[in-house]
Amino acid sequence: MTPAEIKLKRTESLLMELIPEAISQLADARLHEVDVLDVKCSRGRSDAKVYLDPSLYDATEQSLIIKQLAKARPLIEDYIMKDQGWFRSPKLAFVFDDTFERSKNIEELFKKIAKERE
């Protein structure tokens, strides 16, 4: 692993800890229950995608939460900068992680194919 990759992983792990702390400080109580599953930073660490757990929410609640987090993004980034003493924070983008649903669909397709072959 190169030093740049190590720095990237370190930044991602720090953000995994700091983002839920920052969200818990927000005034909107609905956001306190949101679980952060993963954080992926861009190569230059200027942008970061924050993956959230969609299991507790339907589509309308998910869109509402994304809107609220988009409004609170500057506060969350400011919290991260102050906590770490950074000059700037990665620009955060919040998305709900749908990989579990996709993998479930793929497994169902494989089962269907296996049944057709029998």
C-alpha atoms as a PDB file:
ATOM      1  CA  MET A   1       0.000   0.000   0.000  1.00  0.00           C
ATOM      2  CA  THR A   2       1.407   3.379  -0.983  1.00  0.00           C
ATOM      3  CA  PRO A   3       1.610   6.305   1.451  1.00  0.00           C
ATOM      4  CA  ALA A   4      -1.166   8.086  -0.471  1.00  0.00           C
ATOM      5  CA  GLU A   5      -3.471   5.087  -0.080  1.00  0.00           C
ATOM      6  CA  ILE A   6      -2.677   4.938   3.634  1.00  0.00           C
ATOM      7  CA  LYS A   7      -3.573   8.621   4.045  1.00  0.00           C
ATOM      8  CA  LEU A   8      -6.790   8.049   2.126  1.00  0.00           C
ATOM      9  CA  LYS A   9      -7.802   5.097   4.345  1.00  0.00           C
ATOM     10  CA  ARG A  10      -6.906   7.072   7.467  1.00  0.00           C
ATOM     11  CA  THR A  11      -9.064   9.988   6.334  1.00  0.00           C
ATOM     12  CA  GLU A  12     -11.964   7.643   5.559  1.00  0.00           C
ATOM     13  CA  SER A  13     -11.753   6.005   8.985  1.00  0.00           C
ATOM     14  CA  LEU A  14     -11.627   9.397  10.718  1.00  0.00           C
ATOM     15  CA  LEU A  15     -14.692  10.513   8.785  1.00  0.00           C
ATOM     16  CA  MET A  16     -16.475   7.267   9.734  1.00  0.00           C
ATOM     17  CA  GLU A  17     -16.101   8.309  13.378  1.00  0.00           C
ATOM     18  CA  LEU A  18     -16.665  12.047  13.051  1.00  0.00           C
ATOM     19  CA  ILE A  19     -19.726  12.160  10.778  1.00  0.00           C
ATOM     20  CA  PRO A  20     -22.034  10.248  13.187  1.00  0.00           C
ATOM     21  CA  GLU A  21     -20.780  12.463  16.035  1.00  0.00           C
ATOM     22  CA  ALA A  22     -21.556  15.580  14.003  1.00  0.00           C
ATOM     23  CA  ILE A  23     -24.994  14.270  13.010  1.00  0.00           C
ATOM     24  CA  SER A  24     -25.815  13.564  16.650  1.00  0.00           C
ATOM     25  CA  GLN A  25     -25.094  17.232  17.456  1.00  0.00           C
ATOM     26  CA  LEU A  26     -27.713  18.469  14.971  1.00  0.00           C
ATOM     27  CA  ALA A  27     -31.064  19.815  16.157  1.00  0.00           C
ATOM     28  CA  ASP A  28     -33.150  17.549  13.884  1.00  0.00           C
ATOM     29  CA  ALA A  29     -33.901  14.432  15.955  1.00  0.00           C
ATOM     30  CA  ARG A  30     -34.866  12.415  12.863  1.00  0.00           C
ATOM     31  CA  LEU A  31     -31.260  12.500  11.709  1.00  0.00           C
ATOM     32  CA  HIS A  32     -29.906  11.119  14.989  1.00  0.00           C
ATOM     33  CA  GLU A  33     -31.064   7.605  14.041  1.00  0.00           C
ATOM     34  CA  VAL A  34     -29.291   7.536  10.663  1.00  0.00           C
ATOM     35  CA  ASP A  35     -26.492   4.955  10.516  1.00  0.00           C
ATOM     36  CA  VAL A  36     -23.344   5.609   8.505  1.00  0.00           C
ATOM     37  CA  LEU A  37     -22.216   2.403   6.789  1.00  0.00           C
ATOM     38  CA  ASP A  38     -19.171   3.593   4.883  1.00  0.00           C
ATOM     39  CA  VAL A  39     -17.251   6.638   3.688  1.00  0.00           C
ATOM     40  CA  LYS A  40     -15.332   6.711   0.410  1.00  0.00           C
ATOM     41  CA  CYS A  41     -13.066   9.654  -0.358  1.00  0.00           C
ATOM     42  CA  SER A  42     -11.910  10.750  -3.769  1.00  0.00           C
ATOM     43  CA  ARG A  43      -8.249  10.333  -4.608  1.00  0.00           C
ATOM     44  CA  GLY A  44      -7.429  13.927  -3.669  1.00  0.00           C
ATOM     45  CA  ARG A  45      -9.595  13.744  -0.525  1.00  0.00           C
ATOM     46  CA  SER A  46     -11.560  16.797  -1.633  1.00  0.00           C
ATOM     47  CA  ASP A  47     -14.853  14.903  -1.936  1.00  0.00           C
ATOM     48  CA  ALA A  48     -16.331  12.105   0.149  1.00  0.00           C
ATOM     49  CA  LYS A  49     -19.389   9.927  -0.391  1.00  0.00           C
ATOM     50  CA  VAL A  50     -21.148   8.947   2.819  1.00  0.00           C
ATOM     51  CA  TYR A  51     -23.167   5.722   2.538  1.00  0.00           C
ATOM     52  CA  LEU A  52     -26.186   5.460   4.850  1.00  0.00           C
ATOM     53  CA  ASP A  53     -28.202   2.440   5.967  1.00  0.00           C
ATOM     54  CA  PRO A  54     -31.547   2.357   4.078  1.00  0.00           C
ATOM     55  CA  SER A  55     -33.115  -0.537   5.984  1.00  0.00           C
ATOM     56  CA  LEU A  56     -35.279   1.566   8.323  1.00  0.00           C
ATOM     57  CA  TYR A  57     -36.687   3.998   5.759  1.00  0.00           C
ATOM     58  CA  ASP A  58     -38.980   3.992   2.758  1.00  0.00           C
ATOM     59  CA  ALA A  59     -38.303   6.037  -0.385  1.00  0.00           C
ATOM     60  CA  THR A  60     -40.037   9.234   0.785  1.00  0.00           C
ATOM     61  CA  GLU A  61     -38.239   9.194   4.136  1.00  0.00           C
ATOM     62  CA  GLN A  62     -34.940   8.588   2.369  1.00  0.00           C
ATOM     63  CA  SER A  63     -35.396  11.615   0.116  1.00  0.00           C
ATOM     64  CA  LEU A  64     -36.374  13.759   3.105  1.00  0.00           C
ATOM     65  CA  ILE A  65     -33.293  12.632   5.066  1.00  0.00           C
ATOM     66  CA  ILE A  66     -31.010  13.319   2.099  1.00  0.00           C
ATOM     67  CA  LYS A  67     -32.472  16.842   1.794  1.00  0.00           C
ATOM     68  CA  GLN A  68     -31.994  17.503   5.517  1.00  0.00           C
ATOM     69  CA  LEU A  69     -28.408  16.215   5.440  1.00  0.00           C
ATOM     70  CA  ALA A  70     -27.672  18.345   2.370  1.00  0.00           C
ATOM     71  CA  LYS A  71     -28.845  21.394   4.321  1.00  0.00           C
ATOM     72  CA  ALA A  72     -26.752  20.367   7.342  1.00  0.00           C
ATOM     73  CA  ARG A  73     -23.660  19.539   5.267  1.00  0.00           C
ATOM     74  CA  PRO A  74     -21.827  22.818   6.030  1.00  0.00           C
ATOM     75  CA  LEU A  75     -22.365  22.299   9.767  1.00  0.00           C
ATOM     76  CA  ILE A  76     -21.063  18.729   9.579  1.00  0.00           C
ATOM     77  CA  GLU A  77     -18.017  19.792   7.557  1.00  0.00           C
ATOM     78  CA  ASP A  78     -17.341  22.626  10.018  1.00  0.00           C
ATOM     79  CA  TYR A  79     -17.518  20.161  12.929  1.00  0.00           C
ATOM     80  CA  ILE A  80     -14.981  17.903  11.189  1.00  0.00           C
ATOM     81  CA  MET A  81     -12.595  20.793  10.491  1.00  0.00           C
ATOM     82  CA  LYS A  82     -12.719  22.074  14.062  1.00  0.00           C
ATOM     83  CA  ASP A  83     -12.330  18.624  15.601  1.00  0.00           C
ATOM     84  CA  GLN A  84      -9.305  17.665  13.507  1.00  0.00           C
ATOM     85  CA  GLY A  85      -7.807  21.132  13.047  1.00  0.00           C
ATOM     86  CA  TRP A  86      -7.933  20.735   9.283  1.00  0.00           C
ATOM     87  CA  PHE A  87      -7.760  23.698   6.934  1.00  0.00           C
ATOM     88  CA  ARG A  88     -10.604  22.268   4.871  1.00  0.00           C
ATOM     89  CA  SER A  89     -12.929  19.315   4.988  1.00  0.00           C
ATOM     90  CA  PRO A  90     -13.924  17.012   2.145  1.00  0.00           C
ATOM     91  CA  LYS A  91     -17.170  18.028   0.491  1.00  0.00           C
ATOM     92  CA  LEU A  92     -19.659  15.439   1.712  1.00  0.00           C
ATOM     93  CA  ALA A  93     -22.299  13.769  -0.449  1.00  0.00           C
ATOM     94  CA  PHE A  94     -24.878  11.607   1.320  1.00  0.00           C
ATOM     95  CA  VAL A  95     -26.405   8.565  -0.398  1.00  0.00           C
ATOM     96  CA  PHE A  96     -28.301   5.530   0.785  1.00  0.00           C
ATOM     97  CA  ASP A  97     -26.404   2.289   0.182  1.00  0.00           C
ATOM     98  CA  ASP A  98     -28.355  -0.079  -2.048  1.00  0.00           C
ATOM     99  CA  THR A  99     -25.698  -2.766  -2.517  1.00  0.00           C
ATOM    100  CA  PHE A 100     -27.521  -5.176  -0.202  1.00  0.00           C
ATOM    101  CA  GLU A 101     -30.675  -4.944  -2.322  1.00  0.00           C
ATOM    102  CA  ARG A 102     -28.659  -5.416  -5.509  1.00  0.00           C
ATOM    103  CA  SER A 103     -26.863  -8.467  -4.138  1.00  0.00           C
ATOM    104  CA  LYS A 104     -30.202  -9.922  -3.033  1.00  0.00           C
ATOM    105  CA  ASN A 105     -31.573  -9.450  -6.552  1.00  0.00           C
ATOM    106  CA  ILE A 106     -28.496 -11.083  -8.076  1.00  0.00           C
ATOM    107  CA  GLU A 107     -28.825 -14.078  -5.741  1.00  0.00           C
ATOM    108  CA  GLU A 108     -32.474 -14.461  -6.750  1.00  0.00           C
ATOM    109  CA  LEU A 109     -31.462 -14.407 -10.412  1.00  0.00           C
ATOM    110  CA  PHE A 110     -28.856 -17.123  -9.801  1.00  0.00           C
ATOM    111  CA  LYS A 111     -31.470 -19.280  -8.038  1.00  0.00           C
ATOM    112  CA  LYS A 112     -33.850 -18.763 -10.958  1.00  0.00           C
ATOM    113  CA  ILE A 113     -31.176 -19.790 -13.451  1.00  0.00           C
ATOM    114  CA  ALA A 114     -30.318 -22.871 -11.391  1.00  0.00           C
ATOM    115  CA  LYS A 115     -33.986 -23.928 -11.358  1.00  0.00           C
ATOM    116  CA  GLU A 116     -34.270 -23.479 -15.143  1.00  0.00           C
ATOM    117  CA  ARG A 117     -31.219 -25.670 -15.720  1.00  0.00           C
ATOM    118  CA  GLU A 118     -32.649 -28.524 -13.659  1.00  0.00           C
END
